[in-house]
């Protein structure tokens, strides 16, 4: 969350605190799903895993990777 949007939310929360203290707390707290970071963390993990799979699958088309592996007497195989 950017500082500007956080400041806006805090200012709105403080304004509401003067008018209705019960609703002020709801405006200043972040959404429950993002408090522990589970949703963004899971999305980042899925994206990172997909990127690794794509990089590994592309190794068979990479001449440098092919050359490095062939020096050891092994071969690259794409099993996907």
PDB file of N, CA and C in Angstrom:
ATOM      1  N   UNK A   1       0.851  -1.164   0.000  1.00  0.00           N
ATOM      2  CA  UNK A   1       0.000   0.000   0.000  1.00  0.00           C
ATOM      3  C   UNK A   1       0.899   1.230   0.000  1.00  0.00           C
ATOM      4  N   UNK A   2       0.610   2.171  -0.852  1.00  0.00           N
ATOM      5  CA  UNK A   2       1.438   3.369  -0.937  1.00  0.00           C
ATOM      6  C   UNK A   2       1.192   4.265   0.271  1.00  0.00           C
ATOM      7  N   UNK A   3       2.158   5.138   0.523  1.00  0.00           N
ATOM      8  CA  UNK A   3       2.041   6.051   1.658  1.00  0.00           C
ATOM      9  C   UNK A   3       0.875   7.006   1.491  1.00  0.00           C
ATOM     10  N   UNK A   4       0.651   7.433   0.238  1.00  0.00           N
ATOM     11  CA  UNK A   4      -0.432   8.398   0.006  1.00  0.00           C
ATOM     12  C   UNK A   4      -1.793   7.775   0.327  1.00  0.00           C
ATOM     13  N   UNK A   5      -2.026   6.559  -0.136  1.00  0.00           N
ATOM     14  CA  UNK A   5      -3.320   5.935   0.144  1.00  0.00           C
ATOM     15  C   UNK A   5      -3.447   5.606   1.625  1.00  0.00           C
ATOM     16  N   UNK A   6      -2.334   5.246   2.268  1.00  0.00           N
ATOM     17  CA  UNK A   6      -2.379   4.966   3.704  1.00  0.00           C
ATOM     18  C   UNK A   6      -2.698   6.238   4.485  1.00  0.00           C
ATOM     19  N   UNK A   7      -2.084   7.364   4.089  1.00  0.00           N
ATOM     20  CA  UNK A   7      -2.374   8.634   4.758  1.00  0.00           C
ATOM     21  C   UNK A   7      -3.824   9.043   4.544  1.00  0.00           C
ATOM     22  N   UNK A   8      -4.323   8.809   3.345  1.00  0.00           N
ATOM     23  CA  UNK A   8      -5.720   9.143   3.058  1.00  0.00           C
ATOM     24  C   UNK A   8      -6.645   8.325   3.939  1.00  0.00           C
ATOM     25  N   UNK A   9      -6.340   7.023   4.065  1.00  0.00           N
ATOM     26  CA  UNK A   9      -7.177   6.154   4.906  1.00  0.00           C
ATOM     27  C   UNK A   9      -7.113   6.572   6.373  1.00  0.00           C
ATOM     28  N   UNK A  10      -5.917   6.934   6.839  1.00  0.00           N
ATOM     29  CA  UNK A  10      -5.771   7.353   8.232  1.00  0.00           C
ATOM     30  C   UNK A  10      -6.519   8.656   8.467  1.00  0.00           C
ATOM     31  N   UNK A  11      -6.399   9.600   7.532  1.00  0.00           N
ATOM     32  CA  UNK A  11      -7.104  10.874   7.677  1.00  0.00           C
ATOM     33  C   UNK A  11      -8.610  10.664   7.690  1.00  0.00           C
ATOM     34  N   UNK A  12      -9.081   9.792   6.807  1.00  0.00           N
ATOM     35  CA  UNK A  12     -10.515   9.487   6.782  1.00  0.00           C
ATOM     36  C   UNK A  12     -10.939   8.811   8.077  1.00  0.00           C
ATOM     37  N   UNK A  13     -10.086   7.934   8.576  1.00  0.00           N
ATOM     38  CA  UNK A  13     -10.390   7.248   9.832  1.00  0.00           C
ATOM     39  C   UNK A  13     -10.452   8.204  10.998  1.00  0.00           C
ATOM     40  N   UNK A  14      -9.523   9.158  11.030  1.00  0.00           N
ATOM     41  CA  UNK A  14      -9.537  10.136  12.119  1.00  0.00           C
ATOM     42  C   UNK A  14     -10.759  11.041  12.037  1.00  0.00           C
ATOM     43  N   UNK A  15     -11.146  11.391  10.821  1.00  0.00           N
ATOM     44  CA  UNK A  15     -12.349  12.201  10.646  1.00  0.00           C
ATOM     45  C   UNK A  15     -13.571  11.445  11.130  1.00  0.00           C
ATOM     46  N   UNK A  16     -13.645  10.176  10.761  1.00  0.00           N
ATOM     47  CA  UNK A  16     -14.775   9.360  11.212  1.00  0.00           C
ATOM     48  C   UNK A  16     -14.754   9.151  12.722  1.00  0.00           C
ATOM     49  N   UNK A  17     -13.559   9.122  13.309  1.00  0.00           N
ATOM     50  CA  UNK A  17     -13.455   8.940  14.753  1.00  0.00           C
ATOM     51  C   UNK A  17     -14.152  10.071  15.502  1.00  0.00           C
ATOM     52  N   UNK A  18     -14.090  11.274  14.916  1.00  0.00           N
ATOM     53  CA  UNK A  18     -14.777  12.399  15.547  1.00  0.00           C
ATOM     54  C   UNK A  18     -16.288  12.277  15.397  1.00  0.00           C
ATOM     55  N   UNK A  19     -16.720  11.693  14.253  1.00  0.00           N
ATOM     56  CA  UNK A  19     -18.153  11.576  14.000  1.00  0.00           C
ATOM     57  C   UNK A  19     -18.745  10.304  14.596  1.00  0.00           C
ATOM     58  N   UNK A  20     -18.119   9.160  14.300  1.00  0.00           N
ATOM     59  CA  UNK A  20     -18.602   7.875  14.803  1.00  0.00           C
ATOM     60  C   UNK A  20     -17.406   6.998  15.138  1.00  0.00           C
ATOM     61  N   UNK A  21     -17.067   6.857  16.374  1.00  0.00           N
ATOM     62  CA  UNK A  21     -15.875   6.108  16.767  1.00  0.00           C
ATOM     63  C   UNK A  21     -15.901   4.638  16.331  1.00  0.00           C
ATOM     64  N   UNK A  22     -17.046   3.998  16.273  1.00  0.00           N
ATOM     65  CA  UNK A  22     -17.109   2.577  15.925  1.00  0.00           C
ATOM     66  C   UNK A  22     -16.706   2.326  14.474  1.00  0.00           C
ATOM     67  N   UNK A  23     -17.096   3.200  13.551  1.00  0.00           N
ATOM     68  CA  UNK A  23     -16.777   2.980  12.140  1.00  0.00           C
ATOM     69  C   UNK A  23     -15.360   3.431  11.789  1.00  0.00           C
ATOM     70  N   UNK A  24     -14.730   4.222  12.638  1.00  0.00           N
ATOM     71  CA  UNK A  24     -13.380   4.703  12.356  1.00  0.00           C
ATOM     72  C   UNK A  24     -12.378   3.556  12.321  1.00  0.00           C
ATOM     73  N   UNK A  25     -12.525   2.588  13.193  1.00  0.00           N
ATOM     74  CA  UNK A  25     -11.602   1.471  13.249  1.00  0.00           C
ATOM     75  C   UNK A  25     -11.670   0.638  11.975  1.00  0.00           C
ATOM     76  N   UNK A  26     -12.851   0.472  11.439  1.00  0.00           N
ATOM     77  CA  UNK A  26     -13.007  -0.321  10.220  1.00  0.00           C
ATOM     78  C   UNK A  26     -12.310   0.322   9.031  1.00  0.00           C
ATOM     79  N   UNK A  27     -12.223   1.632   8.966  1.00  0.00           N
ATOM     80  CA  UNK A  27     -11.589   2.319   7.843  1.00  0.00           C
ATOM     81  C   UNK A  27     -10.069   2.304   7.927  1.00  0.00           C
ATOM     82  N   UNK A  28      -9.516   2.220   9.120  1.00  0.00           N
ATOM     83  CA  UNK A  28      -8.062   2.306   9.268  1.00  0.00           C
ATOM     84  C   UNK A  28      -7.368   0.955   9.223  1.00  0.00           C
ATOM     85  N   UNK A  29      -8.083  -0.129   9.457  1.00  0.00           N
ATOM     86  CA  UNK A  29      -7.461  -1.450   9.432  1.00  0.00           C
ATOM     87  C   UNK A  29      -7.341  -1.964   8.000  1.00  0.00           C
ATOM     88  N   UNK A  30      -6.270  -2.697   7.686  1.00  0.00           N
ATOM     89  CA  UNK A  30      -6.152  -3.296   6.351  1.00  0.00           C
ATOM     90  C   UNK A  30      -7.143  -4.456   6.220  1.00  0.00           C
ATOM     91  N   UNK A  31      -7.437  -4.886   4.992  1.00  0.00           N
ATOM     92  CA  UNK A  31      -8.336  -6.021   4.828  1.00  0.00           C
ATOM     93  C   UNK A  31      -7.774  -7.246   5.533  1.00  0.00           C
ATOM     94  N   UNK A  32      -8.642  -8.072   6.086  1.00  0.00           N
ATOM     95  CA  UNK A  32      -8.224  -9.210   6.889  1.00  0.00           C
ATOM     96  C   UNK A  32      -7.340 -10.190   6.105  1.00  0.00           C
ATOM     97  N   UNK A  33      -7.635 -10.401   4.841  1.00  0.00           N
ATOM     98  CA  UNK A  33      -6.874 -11.361   4.050  1.00  0.00           C
ATOM     99  C   UNK A  33      -5.416 -10.941   3.873  1.00  0.00           C
ATOM    100  N   UNK A  34      -5.122  -9.645   3.972  1.00  0.00           N
ATOM    101  CA  UNK A  34      -3.763  -9.170   3.751  1.00  0.00           C
ATOM    102  C   UNK A  34      -2.986  -8.946   5.038  1.00  0.00           C
ATOM    103  N   UNK A  35      -3.610  -9.130   6.188  1.00  0.00           N
ATOM    104  CA  UNK A  35      -2.921  -8.902   7.459  1.00  0.00           C
ATOM    105  C   UNK A  35      -1.771  -9.888   7.624  1.00  0.00           C
ATOM    106  N   UNK A  36      -2.019 -11.176   7.352  1.00  0.00           N
ATOM    107  CA  UNK A  36      -0.961 -12.170   7.512  1.00  0.00           C
ATOM    108  C   UNK A  36      -0.165 -12.387   6.232  1.00  0.00           C
ATOM    109  N   UNK A  37      -0.561 -11.765   5.134  1.00  0.00           N
ATOM    110  CA  UNK A  37       0.183 -11.876   3.889  1.00  0.00           C
ATOM    111  C   UNK A  37      -0.058 -13.160   3.133  1.00  0.00           C
ATOM    112  N   UNK A  38      -1.043 -13.956   3.527  1.00  0.00           N
ATOM    113  CA  UNK A  38      -1.225 -15.270   2.918  1.00  0.00           C
ATOM    114  C   UNK A  38      -1.620 -15.192   1.446  1.00  0.00           C
ATOM    115  N   UNK A  39      -2.505 -14.282   1.089  1.00  0.00           N
ATOM    116  CA  UNK A  39      -2.936 -14.217  -0.307  1.00  0.00           C
ATOM    117  C   UNK A  39      -1.801 -13.730  -1.212  1.00  0.00           C
ATOM    118  N   UNK A  40      -1.161 -12.605  -0.908  1.00  0.00           N
ATOM    119  CA  UNK A  40      -0.065 -12.183  -1.781  1.00  0.00           C
ATOM    120  C   UNK A  40       1.097 -13.173  -1.789  1.00  0.00           C
ATOM    121  N   UNK A  41       1.410 -13.771  -0.638  1.00  0.00           N
ATOM    122  CA  UNK A  41       2.518 -14.712  -0.570  1.00  0.00           C
ATOM    123  C   UNK A  41       2.233 -15.940  -1.429  1.00  0.00           C
ATOM    124  N   UNK A  42       1.023 -16.453  -1.382  1.00  0.00           N
ATOM    125  CA  UNK A  42       0.663 -17.625  -2.186  1.00  0.00           C
ATOM    126  C   UNK A  42       0.711 -17.291  -3.672  1.00  0.00           C
ATOM    127  N   UNK A  43       0.240 -16.114  -4.033  1.00  0.00           N
ATOM    128  CA  UNK A  43       0.269 -15.704  -5.444  1.00  0.00           C
ATOM    129  C   UNK A  43       1.703 -15.549  -5.936  1.00  0.00           C
ATOM    130  N   UNK A  44       2.572 -14.975  -5.095  1.00  0.00           N
ATOM    131  CA  UNK A  44       3.978 -14.840  -5.474  1.00  0.00           C
ATOM    132  C   UNK A  44       4.644 -16.198  -5.622  1.00  0.00           C
ATOM    133  N   UNK A  45       4.308 -17.125  -4.732  1.00  0.00           N
ATOM    134  CA  UNK A  45       4.904 -18.461  -4.796  1.00  0.00           C
ATOM    135  C   UNK A  45       4.485 -19.182  -6.075  1.00  0.00           C
ATOM    136  N   UNK A  46       3.203 -19.083  -6.441  1.00  0.00           N
ATOM    137  CA  UNK A  46       2.729 -19.724  -7.684  1.00  0.00           C
ATOM    138  C   UNK A  46       3.408 -19.109  -8.897  1.00  0.00           C
ATOM    139  N   UNK A  47       3.549 -17.787  -8.913  1.00  0.00           N
ATOM    140  CA  UNK A  47       4.178 -17.107 -10.031  1.00  0.00           C
ATOM    141  C   UNK A  47       5.660 -17.494 -10.132  1.00  0.00           C
ATOM    142  N   UNK A  48       6.343 -17.542  -8.991  1.00  0.00           N
ATOM    143  CA  UNK A  48       7.761 -17.908  -8.984  1.00  0.00           C
ATOM    144  C   UNK A  48       7.949 -19.344  -9.465  1.00  0.00           C
ATOM    145  N   UNK A  49       7.085 -20.245  -9.020  1.00  0.00           N
ATOM    146  CA  UNK A  49       7.182 -21.641  -9.448  1.00  0.00           C
ATOM    147  C   UNK A  49       6.959 -21.759 -10.954  1.00  0.00           C
ATOM    148  N   UNK A  50       5.971 -21.054 -11.472  1.00  0.00           N
ATOM    149  CA  UNK A  50       5.688 -21.097 -12.911  1.00  0.00           C
ATOM    150  C   UNK A  50       6.872 -20.552 -13.713  1.00  0.00           C
ATOM    151  N   UNK A  51       7.524 -19.514 -13.204  1.00  0.00           N
ATOM    152  CA  UNK A  51       8.688 -18.957 -13.898  1.00  0.00           C
ATOM    153  C   UNK A  51       9.850 -19.947 -13.914  1.00  0.00           C
ATOM    154  N   UNK A  52      10.049 -20.656 -12.814  1.00  0.00           N
ATOM    155  CA  UNK A  52      11.118 -21.655 -12.765  1.00  0.00           C
ATOM    156  C   UNK A  52      10.835 -22.774 -13.749  1.00  0.00           C
ATOM    157  N   UNK A  53       9.590 -23.235 -13.809  1.00  0.00           N
ATOM    158  CA  UNK A  53       9.223 -24.296 -14.740  1.00  0.00           C
ATOM    159  C   UNK A  53       9.461 -23.843 -16.181  1.00  0.00           C
ATOM    160  N   UNK A  54       9.105 -22.602 -16.507  1.00  0.00           N
ATOM    161  CA  UNK A  54       9.324 -22.087 -17.858  1.00  0.00           C
ATOM    162  C   UNK A  54      10.814 -21.998 -18.193  1.00  0.00           C
ATOM    163  N   UNK A  55      11.620 -21.560 -17.227  1.00  0.00           N
ATOM    164  CA  UNK A  55      13.066 -21.469 -17.466  1.00  0.00           C
ATOM    165  C   UNK A  55      13.675 -22.850 -17.692  1.00  0.00           C
ATOM    166  N   UNK A  56      13.250 -23.829 -16.902  1.00  0.00           N
ATOM    167  CA  UNK A  56      13.775 -25.188 -17.054  1.00  0.00           C
ATOM    168  C   UNK A  56      13.336 -25.771 -18.389  1.00  0.00           C
ATOM    169  N   UNK A  57      12.097 -25.544 -18.783  1.00  0.00           N
ATOM    170  CA  UNK A  57      11.604 -26.054 -20.064  1.00  0.00           C
ATOM    171  C   UNK A  57      12.343 -25.410 -21.233  1.00  0.00           C
ATOM    172  N   UNK A  58      12.770 -24.168 -21.077  1.00  0.00           N
ATOM    173  CA  UNK A  58      13.466 -23.464 -22.154  1.00  0.00           C
ATOM    174  C   UNK A  58      14.944 -23.837 -22.251  1.00  0.00           C
ATOM    175  N   UNK A  59      15.462 -24.580 -21.283  1.00  0.00           N
ATOM    176  CA  UNK A  59      16.881 -24.941 -21.314  1.00  0.00           C
ATOM    177  C   UNK A  59      17.251 -25.778 -22.535  1.00  0.00           C
ATOM    178  N   UNK A  60      16.323 -26.575 -23.039  1.00  0.00           N
ATOM    179  CA  UNK A  60      16.643 -27.418 -24.194  1.00  0.00           C
ATOM    180  C   UNK A  60      16.870 -26.589 -25.446  1.00  0.00           C
ATOM    181  N   UNK A  61      16.342 -25.384 -25.496  1.00  0.00           N
ATOM    182  CA  UNK A  61      16.512 -24.498 -26.648  1.00  0.00           C
ATOM    183  C   UNK A  61      17.684 -23.531 -26.465  1.00  0.00           C
ATOM    184  N   UNK A  62      18.276 -23.519 -25.281  1.00  0.00           N
ATOM    185  CA  UNK A  62      19.369 -22.607 -24.961  1.00  0.00           C
ATOM    186  C   UNK A  62      20.692 -23.280 -25.315  1.00  0.00           C
ATOM    187  N   UNK A  63      21.414 -22.712 -26.285  1.00  0.00           N
ATOM    188  CA  UNK A  63      22.672 -23.303 -26.746  1.00  0.00           C
ATOM    189  C   UNK A  63      23.736 -23.303 -25.655  1.00  0.00           C
ATOM    190  N   UNK A  64      23.764 -22.258 -24.847  1.00  0.00           N
ATOM    191  CA  UNK A  64      24.767 -22.192 -23.776  1.00  0.00           C
ATOM    192  C   UNK A  64      24.526 -23.293 -22.749  1.00  0.00           C
ATOM    193  N   UNK A  65      23.269 -23.460 -22.336  1.00  0.00           N
ATOM    194  CA  UNK A  65      22.943 -24.514 -21.379  1.00  0.00           C
ATOM    195  C   UNK A  65      23.245 -25.884 -21.970  1.00  0.00           C
ATOM    196  N   UNK A  66      22.901 -26.086 -23.227  1.00  0.00           N
ATOM    197  CA  UNK A  66      23.168 -27.352 -23.915  1.00  0.00           C
ATOM    198  C   UNK A  66      24.673 -27.647 -23.933  1.00  0.00           C
ATOM    199  N   UNK A  67      25.480 -26.629 -24.235  1.00  0.00           N
ATOM    200  CA  UNK A  67      26.927 -26.813 -24.273  1.00  0.00           C
ATOM    201  C   UNK A  67      27.511 -27.151 -22.920  1.00  0.00           C
ATOM    202  N   UNK A  68      27.041 -26.459 -21.875  1.00  0.00           N
ATOM    203  CA  UNK A  68      27.539 -26.732 -20.525  1.00  0.00           C
ATOM    204  C   UNK A  68      27.217 -28.158 -20.084  1.00  0.00           C
ATOM    205  N   UNK A  69      26.025 -28.614 -20.401  1.00  0.00           N
ATOM    206  CA  UNK A  69      25.613 -29.962 -20.007  1.00  0.00           C
ATOM    207  C   UNK A  69      26.350 -31.012 -20.823  1.00  0.00           C
ATOM    208  N   UNK A  70      26.535 -30.764 -22.107  1.00  0.00           N
ATOM    209  CA  UNK A  70      27.220 -31.735 -22.970  1.00  0.00           C
ATOM    210  C   UNK A  70      28.672 -31.944 -22.551  1.00  0.00           C
ATOM    211  N   UNK A  71      29.309 -30.918 -21.976  1.00  0.00           N
ATOM    212  CA  UNK A  71      30.684 -31.066 -21.501  1.00  0.00           C
ATOM    213  C   UNK A  71      30.804 -32.113 -20.397  1.00  0.00           C
ATOM    214  N   UNK A  72      29.725 -32.308 -19.656  1.00  0.00           N
ATOM    215  CA  UNK A  72      29.763 -33.282 -18.561  1.00  0.00           C
ATOM    216  C   UNK A  72      29.366 -34.682 -19.035  1.00  0.00           C
ATOM    217  N   UNK A  73      28.994 -34.801 -20.326  1.00  0.00           N
ATOM    218  CA  UNK A  73      28.586 -36.104 -20.839  1.00  0.00           C
ATOM    219  C   UNK A  73      27.106 -36.391 -20.649  1.00  0.00           C
ATOM    220  N   UNK A  74      26.360 -35.385 -20.240  1.00  0.00           N
ATOM    221  CA  UNK A  74      24.919 -35.559 -20.055  1.00  0.00           C
ATOM    222  C   UNK A  74      24.155 -34.897 -21.181  1.00  0.00           C
ATOM    223  N   UNK A  75      22.852 -35.087 -21.195  1.00  0.00           N
ATOM    224  CA  UNK A  75      21.993 -34.451 -22.192  1.00  0.00           C
ATOM    225  C   UNK A  75      20.823 -33.787 -21.498  1.00  0.00           C
ATOM    226  N   UNK A  76      20.322 -32.723 -22.109  1.00  0.00           N
ATOM    227  CA  UNK A  76      19.108 -32.056 -21.610  1.00  0.00           C
ATOM    228  C   UNK A  76      17.908 -32.645 -22.327  1.00  0.00           C
ATOM    229  N   UNK A  77      16.902 -33.030 -21.572  1.00  0.00           N
ATOM    230  CA  UNK A  77      15.656 -33.551 -22.129  1.00  0.00           C
ATOM    231  C   UNK A  77      14.500 -32.729 -21.604  1.00  0.00           C
ATOM    232  N   UNK A  78      13.566 -32.371 -22.478  1.00  0.00           N
ATOM    233  CA  UNK A  78      12.371 -31.656 -22.064  1.00  0.00           C
ATOM    234  C   UNK A  78      11.279 -32.697 -21.836  1.00  0.00           C
ATOM    235  N   UNK A  79      10.899 -32.893 -20.614  1.00  0.00           N
ATOM    236  CA  UNK A  79       9.888 -33.898 -20.267  1.00  0.00           C
ATOM    237  C   UNK A  79       8.498 -33.315 -20.134  1.00  0.00           C
ATOM    238  N   UNK A  80       8.357 -32.045 -20.408  1.00  0.00           N
ATOM    239  CA  UNK A  80       7.031 -31.417 -20.289  1.00  0.00           C
ATOM    240  C   UNK A  80       6.210 -31.634 -21.529  1.00  0.00           C
TER     241      UNK A  80
END
